[in-house]
Amino acid sequence: MVNFTNLGILGDVTHFRRYYEAPIICGREPNASEEERRLGVERSGELSAKVNQFILRRTNALLSNHLPPKIIEVVCCKLTPLQSELYNHFIHSKNVKRAISEELKQSKILAYITALKKLCNHPKLIYDTVRSGSPGTSGFEDCIRFFPPEMFSGRSGSWTGGDGAWVELSGKMHVLARLLAHLRQKTDDRIVLVSNYTQTLDLFAQLCRERRYPYLRLDGTTSISKRQKLVNRFNDPSKDEFVFLLSSKAGGCGLNLIGGNRLVLFDPDWNPANDKQAAARVWRDGQKKRVYIYRFLTTGTIEEKVYQRQMSKEGLQKVIQREQTDTTQGNLLSMEDLRDLFSFCENVRSEIHEKMNCIRCQSDDDRPEIEKRDTNQSAIRGCESDHDTSDIGGFAEIAGCSDKLKSSEKQVGTPLEEDLGSWGHHFFPTSVPDAIFQASAGDEVSFVFSNQVDGKLVPIDSMARPKIQLAEGNENHPKSNRNLNQKTMLLSQRRKPLESVVSNQVLKRSTISAFYKPLPRANVECEASSLSCSVQPQDSVKIKPSIGYQLPQKRLSPYTLDHDDFE
């Protein structure tokens, strides 16, 4: 494009490749000499100086004046004992060792890498792969014996999931399940779940069905005519949708999912642009709430190494854009890098953080407790005068941890998304500026990086989900319709003792933002089998205790929905 607009400024194709392309690429190779590296830096700087005279690059940073603040959390989750057994069994198998010691076909190595990435998501994906005999399963011989017997049917031996216990077989899935439960019970937030594999989306859908979360799904099999209908339904605040399942390949670009303000990237992609595009689905023009982006990585596994490669590719892009001059990272995988992909660091909180040799965290750990306390107090006083740089977007204040953070747990300035060294480093989830995540993390989370990104738009706060709700009359649940008469009679009997509670709840509902309005509660017409009844507002409420992960049912809607478009 530069040569088209400014003919001959970079010479002809032969000169460009010899003078610019070859030295720059050669200087970024893992085995490049010091002279080659020096020449590569020199030529890349010269190329950057020329092309930036004619390139005007716009980023989404220009939209920050119209967007609310967001926080990005890179969450490192431990493998479960079953995952660890399968992982070690696979990387120490004869076939894998032969693959990384000899130059086998590229397709075979890629199949092994895919198998490891699926194992990090959930062992069920490996079970399906072994059963189907797909490529890349040669390292999982006799692995069925590692699975708990309660996961299978006693007669047929088919996978049953152990009545929901399958969730706990994956560290990432277990954290996700708790995150969804807390979101559903405590807020009115909606969430987008993104994965590279439709098999993982199948597990998300199973989790939503078992726990009765309303969800929508968009993947490669969704027709073009139905995609916009799904998006419109999710973005409609009057609909009781909660989860949007999204395939990164099918819907990672172009969709506007501002109905949700939380997004989970469940597995990393080799191309950082794909993950960035998927994460931008909720931080778009029209978003009114604070945005939370979660990137899940399994600790010490291939996923952390893939994420490191993403940072390396971002570095190559910055070289051309004159935003970065560090060329210590290579752009191709050497044999040593390939062997490193099939290694497993078991006893670390985060392999990425270990390789950083983070001075900030070491200084926090080495200082005496009294000095730490004095430093924290001075940091608190500094926050009062420089609030914008200490807690961008007010996330820590909302989470109640702004006065408890150590210096290493606060980000340095406004770092780039690939500059993890300047992010907040959290050894414990209680210091992460996200109250919902603090309650959801559990023992599976070993380390968290956090980065708060400013937005000039004043956000609308999330509302607590009302504990008093309409009678269960969703046409999607036939059992609710059959039992509606009995529940209505029970409510009328309990109406008088609940009058004071109802009046207090009405006052709370009056403060709910116009962005998320519940359906009108005047006179709700409901039909249950052959019964038709008119229920007044006082008669249509019911107190339900919050027990475990039990979720509120969908609120009753007077509108008839055509579900054919969403099947």
Protein backbone atom coordinates (compact mmCIF):
# COMPACT_ATOMS: atom_id res chain seq x y z
CA MET A 1 0.00 0.00 0.00
CA VAL A 2 2.87 2.39 0.77
CA ASN A 3 4.47 1.64 -2.59
CA PHE A 4 1.09 2.15 -4.32
CA THR A 5 0.55 5.59 -2.82
CA ASN A 6 4.22 6.60 -3.02
CA LEU A 7 5.67 4.77 -5.96
CA GLY A 8 9.29 3.70 -5.53
CA ILE A 9 9.80 5.03 -1.99
CA LEU A 10 10.73 1.51 -0.79
CA GLY A 11 12.37 0.41 -4.04
CA ASP A 12 11.22 -2.52 -6.12
CA VAL A 13 10.15 -5.90 -4.67
CA THR A 14 13.63 -7.41 -4.94
CA HIS A 15 15.27 -4.49 -3.16
CA PHE A 16 12.61 -4.45 -0.43
CA ARG A 17 13.02 -8.12 0.33
CA ARG A 18 16.80 -7.98 0.33
CA TYR A 19 17.21 -4.70 2.20
CA TYR A 20 14.30 -4.75 4.66
CA GLU A 21 12.41 -8.03 4.90
CA ALA A 22 15.30 -10.51 5.10
CA PRO A 23 17.38 -8.66 7.77
CA ILE A 24 14.33 -7.93 9.96
CA ILE A 25 13.04 -11.51 9.93
CA CYS A 26 16.53 -12.96 10.30
CA GLY A 27 17.24 -10.71 13.28
CA ARG A 28 14.17 -12.05 15.09
CA GLU A 29 15.07 -15.71 14.73
CA PRO A 30 15.87 -17.52 18.00
CA ASN A 31 19.36 -18.49 16.79
CA ALA A 32 20.25 -15.08 15.30
CA SER A 33 23.73 -13.70 16.01
CA GLU A 34 24.32 -10.35 17.68
CA GLU A 35 25.30 -8.81 14.34
CA GLU A 36 22.07 -10.06 12.73
CA ARG A 37 20.01 -8.75 15.61
CA ARG A 38 21.69 -5.34 15.42
CA LEU A 39 21.12 -5.11 11.68
CA GLY A 40 17.48 -6.19 12.09
CA VAL A 41 16.84 -3.43 14.65
CA GLU A 42 18.51 -0.86 12.40
CA ARG A 43 16.51 -1.81 9.30
CA SER A 44 13.19 -2.05 11.18
CA GLY A 45 13.74 1.41 12.60
CA GLU A 46 14.50 2.77 9.14
CA LEU A 47 11.41 1.08 7.67
CA SER A 48 9.21 2.32 10.51
CA ALA A 49 10.40 5.91 10.04
CA LYS A 50 9.48 5.82 6.36
CA VAL A 51 6.10 4.10 6.47
CA ASN A 52 4.79 6.06 9.45
CA GLN A 53 4.95 9.21 7.36
CA PHE A 54 2.10 7.81 5.27
CA ILE A 55 0.23 5.44 7.64
CA LEU A 56 -2.57 6.80 9.80
CA ARG A 57 -3.66 4.01 12.14
CA ARG A 58 -6.82 4.38 14.19
CA THR A 59 -7.41 2.14 17.19
CA ASN A 60 -10.34 1.67 19.55
CA ALA A 61 -8.56 4.03 21.96
CA LEU A 62 -10.36 6.82 20.10
CA LEU A 63 -13.66 5.42 21.34
CA SER A 64 -12.70 5.68 25.03
CA ASN A 65 -14.57 8.99 25.27
CA HIS A 66 -17.78 7.13 24.47
CA LEU A 67 -17.13 3.90 26.42
CA PRO A 68 -17.20 2.97 30.12
CA PRO A 69 -14.09 1.68 31.96
CA LYS A 70 -13.08 -1.95 31.58
CA ILE A 71 -10.83 -4.36 33.42
CA ILE A 72 -8.94 -7.27 31.87
CA GLU A 73 -8.13 -10.21 34.14
CA VAL A 74 -5.75 -12.98 33.04
CA VAL A 75 -6.74 -15.82 35.36
CA CYS A 76 -4.36 -18.75 35.86
CA CYS A 77 -6.27 -21.87 36.97
CA LYS A 78 -4.72 -25.06 38.30
CA LEU A 79 -5.30 -28.41 36.67
CA THR A 80 -7.39 -30.91 38.60
CA PRO A 81 -5.71 -34.21 39.66
CA LEU A 82 -7.40 -35.98 36.73
CA GLN A 83 -6.16 -33.38 34.26
CA SER A 84 -2.64 -33.56 35.71
CA GLU A 85 -2.57 -37.34 35.36
CA LEU A 86 -3.76 -37.20 31.77
CA TYR A 87 -1.41 -34.34 30.92
CA ASN A 88 1.68 -36.09 32.30
CA HIS A 89 0.66 -39.38 30.72
CA PHE A 90 0.37 -37.73 27.32
CA ILE A 91 3.57 -35.64 27.26
CA HIS A 92 5.63 -38.62 28.46
CA SER A 93 4.16 -41.07 25.96
CA LYS A 94 6.43 -42.60 23.33
CA ASN A 95 4.61 -41.04 20.40
CA VAL A 96 4.91 -37.50 21.74
CA LYS A 97 8.57 -37.93 22.64
CA ARG A 98 9.28 -39.19 19.14
CA ALA A 99 7.35 -36.27 17.64
CA ILE A 100 9.44 -33.63 19.42
CA SER A 101 12.75 -35.41 18.91
CA GLU A 102 12.28 -36.09 15.19
CA GLU A 103 10.95 -33.97 12.39
CA LEU A 104 7.52 -35.53 11.90
CA LYS A 105 4.74 -34.23 9.72
CA GLN A 106 3.47 -30.85 10.83
CA SER A 107 -0.14 -32.09 10.88
CA LYS A 108 0.70 -34.73 13.48
CA ILE A 109 2.36 -32.24 15.80
CA LEU A 110 -0.58 -29.86 15.43
CA ALA A 111 -2.94 -32.71 16.36
CA TYR A 112 -0.94 -33.30 19.56
CA ILE A 113 -1.06 -29.58 20.39
CA THR A 114 -4.82 -29.50 19.84
CA ALA A 115 -5.26 -32.52 22.11
CA LEU A 116 -3.40 -30.77 24.93
CA LYS A 117 -5.44 -27.61 24.51
CA LYS A 118 -8.68 -29.60 24.68
CA LEU A 119 -7.46 -31.38 27.80
CA CYS A 120 -6.86 -27.99 29.44
CA ASN A 121 -10.51 -27.10 28.73
CA HIS A 122 -12.02 -30.32 30.09
CA PRO A 123 -11.10 -34.04 30.21
CA LYS A 124 -14.49 -34.84 28.64
CA LEU A 125 -13.14 -33.54 25.32
CA ILE A 126 -10.31 -36.09 25.52
CA TYR A 127 -12.78 -38.84 26.34
CA ASP A 128 -14.78 -37.94 23.22
CA THR A 129 -11.61 -37.80 21.13
CA VAL A 130 -10.39 -41.19 22.33
CA ARG A 131 -13.80 -42.75 21.73
CA SER A 132 -13.97 -41.37 18.20
CA GLY A 133 -10.41 -42.42 17.34
CA SER A 134 -9.50 -38.97 15.97
CA PRO A 135 -5.88 -38.04 15.11
CA GLY A 136 -3.77 -36.96 18.04
CA THR A 137 -5.08 -39.64 20.42
CA SER A 138 -2.10 -41.97 20.10
CA GLY A 139 -0.66 -40.57 23.34
CA PHE A 140 -3.84 -41.28 25.32
CA GLU A 141 -3.76 -45.08 25.21
CA ASP A 142 -5.56 -46.68 28.16
CA CYS A 143 -6.50 -43.28 29.59
CA ILE A 144 -10.13 -44.19 30.23
CA ARG A 145 -8.98 -45.91 33.43
CA PHE A 146 -8.04 -42.52 34.91
CA PHE A 147 -11.63 -41.24 34.81
CA PRO A 148 -13.82 -41.65 37.93
CA PRO A 149 -16.24 -44.59 37.47
CA GLU A 150 -19.22 -42.49 38.60
CA MET A 151 -18.89 -40.48 35.36
CA PHE A 152 -20.17 -43.47 33.36
CA SER A 153 -23.37 -45.47 33.18
CA GLY A 154 -23.14 -48.80 34.94
CA ARG A 155 -24.80 -50.77 32.15
CA SER A 156 -23.71 -49.21 28.87
CA GLY A 157 -20.53 -47.55 30.07
CA SER A 158 -21.51 -44.30 28.30
CA TRP A 159 -20.68 -40.88 29.73
CA THR A 160 -23.33 -39.53 32.11
CA GLY A 161 -21.45 -36.78 33.93
CA GLY A 162 -22.21 -38.01 37.43
CA ASP A 163 -25.27 -35.78 37.97
CA GLY A 164 -23.35 -32.55 37.45
CA ALA A 165 -20.09 -33.65 39.09
CA TRP A 166 -18.36 -33.46 35.69
CA VAL A 167 -17.91 -29.71 36.20
CA GLU A 168 -15.34 -30.32 38.94
CA LEU A 169 -13.09 -32.38 36.64
CA SER A 170 -11.69 -29.17 35.11
CA GLY A 171 -10.16 -26.30 37.05
CA LYS A 172 -11.28 -23.66 34.55
CA MET A 173 -14.77 -25.09 34.24
CA HIS A 174 -15.19 -25.20 38.02
CA VAL A 175 -14.21 -21.53 38.34
CA LEU A 176 -16.54 -20.63 35.48
CA ALA A 177 -19.46 -22.48 37.09
CA ARG A 178 -19.03 -20.52 40.33
CA LEU A 179 -18.66 -17.26 38.40
CA LEU A 180 -21.96 -17.86 36.59
CA ALA A 181 -23.72 -18.79 39.83
CA HIS A 182 -22.62 -15.62 41.64
CA LEU A 183 -23.47 -13.43 38.66
CA ARG A 184 -26.94 -14.94 38.34
CA GLN A 185 -27.73 -14.65 42.04
CA LYS A 186 -26.20 -11.27 42.88
CA THR A 187 -26.35 -9.06 39.77
CA ASP A 188 -28.31 -8.39 36.62
CA ASP A 189 -25.15 -8.68 34.47
CA ARG A 190 -25.09 -10.83 31.35
CA ILE A 191 -22.04 -12.74 30.15
CA VAL A 192 -20.54 -13.90 26.85
CA LEU A 193 -18.58 -17.19 26.81
CA VAL A 194 -16.08 -17.55 23.94
CA SER A 195 -14.20 -20.69 22.90
CA ASN A 196 -12.29 -21.91 19.86
CA TYR A 197 -13.96 -25.34 20.03
CA THR A 198 -17.62 -26.16 19.52
CA GLN A 199 -17.14 -29.17 21.82
CA THR A 200 -16.39 -26.71 24.64
CA LEU A 201 -19.53 -24.75 23.71
CA ASP A 202 -21.43 -28.04 24.07
CA LEU A 203 -20.17 -28.29 27.66
CA PHE A 204 -21.19 -24.68 28.32
CA ALA A 205 -24.66 -25.46 27.00
CA GLN A 206 -24.89 -28.56 29.21
CA LEU A 207 -23.90 -26.48 32.25
CA CYS A 208 -26.58 -23.90 31.43
CA ARG A 209 -29.26 -26.56 30.99
CA GLU A 210 -28.40 -28.32 34.24
CA ARG A 211 -28.50 -25.08 36.24
CA ARG A 212 -31.39 -23.60 34.26
CA TYR A 213 -29.54 -20.55 32.94
CA PRO A 214 -31.24 -19.06 29.88
CA TYR A 215 -28.70 -19.01 27.07
CA LEU A 216 -28.24 -18.36 23.36
CA ARG A 217 -25.66 -19.91 21.06
CA LEU A 218 -23.95 -18.73 17.89
CA ASP A 219 -21.41 -20.91 16.08
CA GLY A 220 -20.53 -21.93 12.54
CA THR A 221 -23.76 -23.91 12.12
CA THR A 222 -25.97 -20.87 12.85
CA SER A 223 -27.55 -19.54 9.66
CA ILE A 224 -26.92 -15.96 8.65
CA SER A 225 -30.64 -15.13 8.91
CA LYS A 226 -30.77 -16.18 12.57
CA ARG A 227 -27.57 -14.52 13.79
CA GLN A 228 -28.88 -10.99 14.05
CA LYS A 229 -32.04 -12.25 15.76
CA LEU A 230 -29.90 -13.91 18.42
CA VAL A 231 -27.87 -10.74 18.91
CA ASN A 232 -31.01 -8.57 19.17
CA ARG A 233 -32.55 -10.93 21.72
CA PHE A 234 -29.44 -10.92 23.89
CA ASN A 235 -29.19 -7.12 23.76
CA ASP A 236 -32.87 -6.63 24.64
CA PRO A 237 -33.04 -5.72 28.37
CA SER A 238 -36.66 -6.89 28.58
CA LYS A 239 -35.66 -10.49 27.79
CA ASP A 240 -34.36 -12.70 30.58
CA GLU A 241 -31.28 -13.93 28.72
CA PHE A 242 -28.14 -14.55 30.74
CA VAL A 243 -25.43 -16.36 28.73
CA PHE A 244 -24.35 -15.97 25.10
CA LEU A 245 -22.22 -18.86 23.80
CA LEU A 246 -19.96 -17.70 21.00
CA SER A 247 -17.53 -19.48 18.71
CA SER A 248 -14.50 -17.24 18.20
CA LYS A 249 -14.16 -18.25 14.55
CA ALA A 250 -17.83 -17.73 13.64
CA GLY A 251 -18.71 -14.66 15.70
CA GLY A 252 -15.44 -13.13 16.84
CA CYS A 253 -15.76 -10.16 14.47
CA GLY A 254 -18.53 -7.70 13.74
CA LEU A 255 -21.05 -8.63 16.44
CA ASN A 256 -22.27 -6.01 18.88
CA LEU A 257 -23.12 -7.77 22.14
CA ILE A 258 -23.54 -4.74 24.40
CA GLY A 259 -26.33 -6.52 26.26
CA GLY A 260 -23.56 -8.26 28.20
CA ASN A 261 -20.82 -6.51 30.14
CA ARG A 262 -18.75 -9.58 31.07
CA LEU A 263 -16.88 -11.83 28.67
CA VAL A 264 -14.81 -14.98 29.22
CA LEU A 265 -12.12 -16.07 26.75
CA PHE A 266 -12.01 -19.70 27.84
CA ASP A 267 -8.99 -20.74 25.73
CA PRO A 268 -6.27 -18.70 23.97
CA ASP A 269 -5.80 -18.53 20.22
CA TRP A 270 -2.42 -18.53 18.49
CA ASN A 271 -3.35 -15.30 16.77
CA PRO A 272 -3.67 -12.44 19.29
CA ALA A 273 -5.89 -10.50 16.87
CA ASN A 274 -8.58 -13.19 17.13
CA ASP A 275 -8.71 -12.92 20.92
CA LYS A 276 -8.71 -9.12 20.81
CA GLN A 277 -11.57 -9.09 18.34
CA ALA A 278 -13.60 -11.53 20.44
CA ALA A 279 -12.98 -9.55 23.63
CA ALA A 280 -14.17 -6.36 21.92
CA ARG A 281 -17.70 -7.74 21.39
CA VAL A 282 -18.93 -6.22 24.67
CA TRP A 283 -16.74 -3.08 24.89
CA ARG A 284 -18.41 -1.28 22.00
CA ASP A 285 -20.37 1.88 21.37
CA GLY A 286 -23.64 1.62 23.30
CA GLN A 287 -22.21 -0.21 26.33
CA LYS A 288 -23.32 1.52 29.56
CA LYS A 289 -21.87 -0.70 32.29
CA ARG A 290 -18.36 -1.41 33.51
CA VAL A 291 -16.86 -4.18 31.39
CA TYR A 292 -15.05 -7.24 32.77
CA ILE A 293 -12.90 -9.36 30.43
CA TYR A 294 -11.63 -12.71 31.79
CA ARG A 295 -8.88 -14.66 30.01
CA PHE A 296 -8.65 -18.16 31.45
CA LEU A 297 -5.28 -19.99 31.26
CA THR A 298 -4.33 -23.30 32.84
CA THR A 299 -1.24 -22.90 35.01
CA GLY A 300 2.07 -24.25 33.69
CA THR A 301 0.56 -25.80 30.55
CA ILE A 302 0.59 -25.17 26.83
CA GLU A 303 -1.99 -22.40 27.27
CA GLU A 304 0.45 -20.16 29.13
CA LYS A 305 3.01 -20.79 26.40
CA VAL A 306 0.48 -19.91 23.69
CA TYR A 307 -0.27 -16.67 25.52
CA GLN A 308 3.44 -15.88 25.66
CA ARG A 309 3.60 -16.37 21.88
CA GLN A 310 0.73 -13.91 21.55
CA MET A 311 2.80 -11.31 23.39
CA SER A 312 5.72 -12.05 21.04
CA LYS A 313 3.56 -11.47 17.95
CA GLU A 314 2.28 -8.23 19.44
CA GLY A 315 5.91 -7.19 19.82
CA LEU A 316 6.60 -7.74 16.11
CA GLN A 317 3.63 -5.55 15.24
CA LYS A 318 4.90 -2.77 17.51
CA VAL A 319 8.31 -2.86 15.81
CA ILE A 320 6.78 -1.80 12.49
CA GLN A 321 4.55 0.76 14.22
CA ARG A 322 7.54 2.32 16.01
CA GLU A 323 5.91 1.68 19.39
CA GLN A 324 8.48 -0.87 20.57
CA THR A 325 12.08 -1.70 19.71
CA ASP A 326 12.60 -4.91 21.72
CA THR A 327 13.35 -7.73 19.29
CA THR A 328 14.49 -10.35 21.75
CA GLN A 329 11.43 -12.47 20.97
CA GLY A 330 11.53 -14.65 17.87
CA ASN A 331 8.67 -14.92 15.43
CA LEU A 332 9.10 -18.61 14.60
CA LEU A 333 9.15 -21.71 16.79
CA SER A 334 12.56 -23.37 17.11
CA MET A 335 12.89 -27.03 18.05
CA GLU A 336 13.63 -25.93 21.60
CA ASP A 337 10.43 -23.88 21.66
CA LEU A 338 8.53 -26.90 20.33
CA ARG A 339 9.86 -29.10 23.13
CA ASP A 340 8.91 -26.41 25.61
CA LEU A 341 5.31 -26.57 24.38
CA PHE A 342 5.14 -30.18 25.56
CA SER A 343 6.51 -29.49 29.03
CA PHE A 344 4.50 -29.09 32.21
CA CYS A 345 5.44 -26.82 35.14
CA GLU A 346 3.44 -28.27 38.02
CA ASN A 347 4.69 -26.37 41.05
CA VAL A 348 4.30 -22.77 39.92
CA ARG A 349 1.58 -20.20 40.42
CA SER A 350 2.13 -18.82 36.92
CA GLU A 351 4.84 -19.79 34.47
CA ILE A 352 4.52 -16.40 32.77
CA HIS A 353 5.10 -14.58 36.06
CA GLU A 354 8.00 -16.88 36.97
CA LYS A 355 9.78 -16.05 33.70
CA MET A 356 9.32 -12.34 34.31
CA ASN A 357 11.53 -12.36 37.41
CA CYS A 358 9.20 -9.64 38.65
CA ILE A 359 11.12 -7.14 40.79
CA ARG A 360 7.91 -5.53 42.05
CA CYS A 361 6.63 -8.75 43.63
CA GLN A 362 10.06 -9.68 44.99
CA SER A 363 10.43 -6.31 46.71
CA ASP A 364 7.00 -6.72 48.31
CA ASP A 365 7.93 -10.18 49.59
CA ASP A 366 11.40 -9.22 50.88
CA ARG A 367 10.44 -6.12 52.85
CA PRO A 368 9.64 -6.40 56.58
CA GLU A 369 6.00 -6.28 57.55
CA ILE A 370 6.33 -2.89 59.26
CA GLU A 371 7.89 -1.36 56.15
CA LYS A 372 5.14 -2.83 54.00
CA ARG A 373 2.50 -1.33 56.25
CA ASP A 374 4.14 2.10 56.16
CA THR A 375 4.43 1.91 52.38
CA ASN A 376 0.78 0.92 52.04
CA GLN A 377 -0.28 3.86 54.20
CA SER A 378 1.75 6.27 52.06
CA ALA A 379 0.28 4.67 48.95
CA ILE A 380 -3.22 5.28 50.36
CA ARG A 381 -2.39 8.94 50.92
CA GLY A 382 -1.00 9.12 47.40
CA CYS A 383 -4.21 7.64 46.03
CA GLU A 384 -6.17 10.56 47.44
CA SER A 385 -4.22 13.01 45.29
CA ASP A 386 -3.81 10.81 42.22
CA HIS A 387 -6.92 8.69 42.16
CA ASP A 388 -7.10 8.43 38.37
CA THR A 389 -3.85 6.46 38.07
CA SER A 390 -4.23 4.32 41.19
CA ASP A 391 -7.74 2.95 40.57
CA ILE A 392 -8.77 3.60 36.99
CA GLY A 393 -12.52 3.21 36.62
CA GLY A 394 -13.03 2.77 40.37
CA PHE A 395 -12.97 -1.05 40.21
CA ALA A 396 -10.96 -1.49 43.43
CA GLU A 397 -13.19 0.91 45.33
CA ILE A 398 -16.32 -0.97 44.25
CA ALA A 399 -14.72 -4.30 45.21
CA GLY A 400 -13.76 -2.93 48.63
CA CYS A 401 -10.03 -3.61 48.31
CA SER A 402 -8.62 -0.20 47.33
CA ASP A 403 -7.03 0.38 50.75
CA LYS A 404 -5.62 -3.16 51.02
CA LEU A 405 -3.59 -3.45 47.82
CA LYS A 406 0.18 -3.81 47.90
CA SER A 407 2.26 -1.91 45.37
CA SER A 408 2.71 -5.01 43.18
CA GLU A 409 -1.06 -5.52 43.13
CA LYS A 410 -1.57 -2.10 41.52
CA GLN A 411 -0.88 -1.51 37.87
CA VAL A 412 1.83 0.94 36.85
CA GLY A 413 0.26 3.84 34.97
CA THR A 414 -1.83 2.83 31.96
CA PRO A 415 0.05 -0.16 30.51
CA LEU A 416 -0.58 -1.71 27.11
CA GLU A 417 -2.53 -4.96 27.01
CA GLU A 418 0.65 -6.92 26.16
CA ASP A 419 2.77 -5.28 28.90
CA LEU A 420 2.01 -7.78 31.67
CA GLY A 421 4.97 -6.60 33.74
CA SER A 422 3.16 -3.33 34.49
CA TRP A 423 -0.21 -4.94 35.26
CA GLY A 424 -1.43 -5.68 38.75
CA HIS A 425 -0.02 -9.00 40.02
CA HIS A 426 -2.26 -10.93 42.41
CA PHE A 427 -1.15 -14.04 44.27
CA PHE A 428 -4.51 -14.18 46.03
CA PRO A 429 -7.96 -13.57 44.44
CA THR A 430 -9.04 -11.41 47.39
CA SER A 431 -6.87 -8.57 46.07
CA VAL A 432 -8.37 -8.60 42.56
CA PRO A 433 -10.54 -5.48 42.04
CA ASP A 434 -13.63 -7.51 41.15
CA ALA A 435 -16.04 -8.50 43.95
CA ILE A 436 -17.82 -11.19 41.91
CA PHE A 437 -14.52 -12.82 40.95
CA GLN A 438 -13.30 -12.68 44.55
CA ALA A 439 -16.31 -14.74 45.60
CA SER A 440 -15.98 -17.13 42.64
CA ALA A 441 -12.25 -17.87 42.42
CA GLY A 442 -11.74 -20.63 45.00
CA ASP A 443 -8.60 -22.73 45.39
CA GLU A 444 -8.38 -23.42 41.65
CA VAL A 445 -7.08 -19.90 40.88
CA SER A 446 -3.30 -19.68 41.40
CA PHE A 447 -2.48 -16.23 39.99
CA VAL A 448 -4.19 -13.24 38.35
CA PHE A 449 -2.93 -10.36 36.21
CA SER A 450 -5.25 -7.33 36.13
CA ASN A 451 -5.29 -4.22 33.95
CA GLN A 452 -7.83 -1.41 34.30
CA VAL A 453 -8.52 0.59 31.14
CA ASP A 454 -10.03 4.03 31.39
CA GLY A 455 -13.24 5.13 29.71
CA LYS A 456 -14.70 8.61 29.87
CA LEU A 457 -18.33 7.46 29.89
CA VAL A 458 -19.79 7.36 33.42
CA PRO A 459 -20.97 3.75 33.83
CA ILE A 460 -24.30 2.52 35.10
CA ASP A 461 -23.87 0.32 38.17
CA SER A 462 -25.02 -3.28 38.09
CA MET A 463 -28.18 -3.93 40.08
CA ALA A 464 -28.67 -6.64 42.66
CA ARG A 465 -31.00 -9.33 41.38
CA PRO A 466 -34.33 -9.10 43.24
CA LYS A 467 -35.00 -12.03 45.54
CA ILE A 468 -38.76 -11.61 45.12
CA GLN A 469 -39.96 -12.57 41.68
CA LEU A 470 -43.01 -13.42 39.66
CA ALA A 471 -44.61 -16.81 39.76
CA GLU A 472 -42.86 -19.28 37.51
CA GLY A 473 -44.80 -19.18 34.27
CA ASN A 474 -42.26 -19.56 31.51
CA GLU A 475 -43.63 -21.43 28.55
CA ASN A 476 -40.25 -23.08 28.13
CA HIS A 477 -40.81 -25.01 31.36
CA PRO A 478 -44.00 -27.14 31.18
CA LYS A 479 -43.68 -28.20 34.81
CA SER A 480 -44.14 -24.59 35.87
CA ASN A 481 -47.42 -24.39 33.96
CA ARG A 482 -48.81 -27.57 35.48
CA ASN A 483 -48.09 -26.42 39.01
CA LEU A 484 -49.16 -22.79 38.59
CA ASN A 485 -52.62 -23.23 40.13
CA GLN A 486 -51.20 -24.84 43.26
CA LYS A 487 -48.51 -22.13 43.63
CA THR A 488 -51.06 -19.33 43.17
CA MET A 489 -53.25 -20.72 45.97
CA LEU A 490 -50.20 -21.05 48.21
CA LEU A 491 -49.20 -17.46 47.55
CA SER A 492 -52.69 -16.16 48.41
CA GLN A 493 -52.52 -17.96 51.74
CA ARG A 494 -49.17 -16.34 52.59
CA ARG A 495 -50.00 -12.89 51.24
CA LYS A 496 -50.82 -11.18 54.54
CA PRO A 497 -47.65 -12.15 56.47
CA LEU A 498 -45.55 -10.89 53.55
CA GLU A 499 -47.12 -7.44 53.13
CA SER A 500 -44.30 -5.56 54.90
CA VAL A 501 -41.64 -7.43 52.96
CA VAL A 502 -43.38 -6.70 49.66
CA SER A 503 -43.63 -2.98 50.42
CA ASN A 504 -39.89 -2.78 51.11
CA GLN A 505 -39.13 -4.67 47.91
CA VAL A 506 -41.29 -2.30 45.84
CA LEU A 507 -39.17 0.59 47.14
CA LYS A 508 -36.00 -1.23 46.06
CA ARG A 509 -37.40 -1.92 42.61
CA SER A 510 -38.16 1.76 42.11
CA THR A 511 -34.41 2.53 42.09
CA ILE A 512 -33.59 0.12 39.28
CA SER A 513 -32.01 1.86 36.31
CA ALA A 514 -34.01 2.43 33.18
CA PHE A 515 -31.37 0.41 31.32
CA TYR A 516 -32.64 -2.80 32.88
CA LYS A 517 -36.36 -2.56 33.56
CA PRO A 518 -38.32 -5.58 34.75
CA LEU A 519 -41.47 -6.44 32.90
CA PRO A 520 -44.69 -4.63 33.95
CA ARG A 521 -46.24 -6.15 37.03
CA ALA A 522 -49.71 -4.64 36.81
CA ASN A 523 -52.05 -7.46 35.89
CA VAL A 524 -50.37 -10.61 34.69
CA GLU A 525 -52.52 -12.97 32.69
CA CYS A 526 -51.28 -16.52 33.00
CA GLU A 527 -52.54 -19.79 31.68
CA ALA A 528 -51.82 -23.16 33.21
CA SER A 529 -53.17 -26.13 31.27
CA SER A 530 -56.95 -25.53 31.38
CA LEU A 531 -56.85 -22.83 34.09
CA SER A 532 -56.90 -19.08 33.34
CA CYS A 533 -56.43 -16.73 36.28
CA SER A 534 -55.83 -13.02 36.91
CA VAL A 535 -53.16 -12.32 39.54
CA GLN A 536 -52.74 -8.98 41.33
CA PRO A 537 -49.22 -7.67 42.14
CA GLN A 538 -49.45 -8.64 45.80
CA ASP A 539 -50.51 -12.14 44.82
CA SER A 540 -47.82 -12.69 42.25
CA VAL A 541 -44.77 -12.61 44.45
CA LYS A 542 -43.01 -15.26 46.39
CA ILE A 543 -40.07 -15.29 48.76
CA LYS A 544 -37.37 -17.73 47.76
CA PRO A 545 -34.30 -18.33 49.90
CA SER A 546 -30.93 -18.27 48.09
CA ILE A 547 -29.60 -21.79 48.57
CA GLY A 548 -26.30 -22.85 47.05
CA TYR A 549 -26.39 -22.42 43.31
CA GLN A 550 -30.21 -22.47 43.03
CA LEU A 551 -31.20 -19.87 40.49
CA PRO A 552 -34.24 -17.61 40.12
CA GLN A 553 -36.70 -18.73 37.48
CA LYS A 554 -37.46 -16.61 34.43
CA ARG A 555 -39.87 -13.76 35.15
CA LEU A 556 -43.34 -14.13 33.71
CA SER A 557 -43.89 -12.35 30.41
CA PRO A 558 -47.31 -11.50 28.95
CA TYR A 559 -45.86 -11.79 25.48
CA THR A 560 -45.88 -14.92 23.40
CA LEU A 561 -42.44 -15.69 21.99
CA ASP A 562 -41.77 -17.47 18.75
CA HIS A 563 -38.90 -19.80 19.60
CA ASP A 564 -38.59 -21.26 16.11
CA ASP A 565 -36.01 -18.61 15.27
CA PHE A 566 -33.75 -19.70 18.09
CA GLU A 567 -33.77 -23.45 17.73
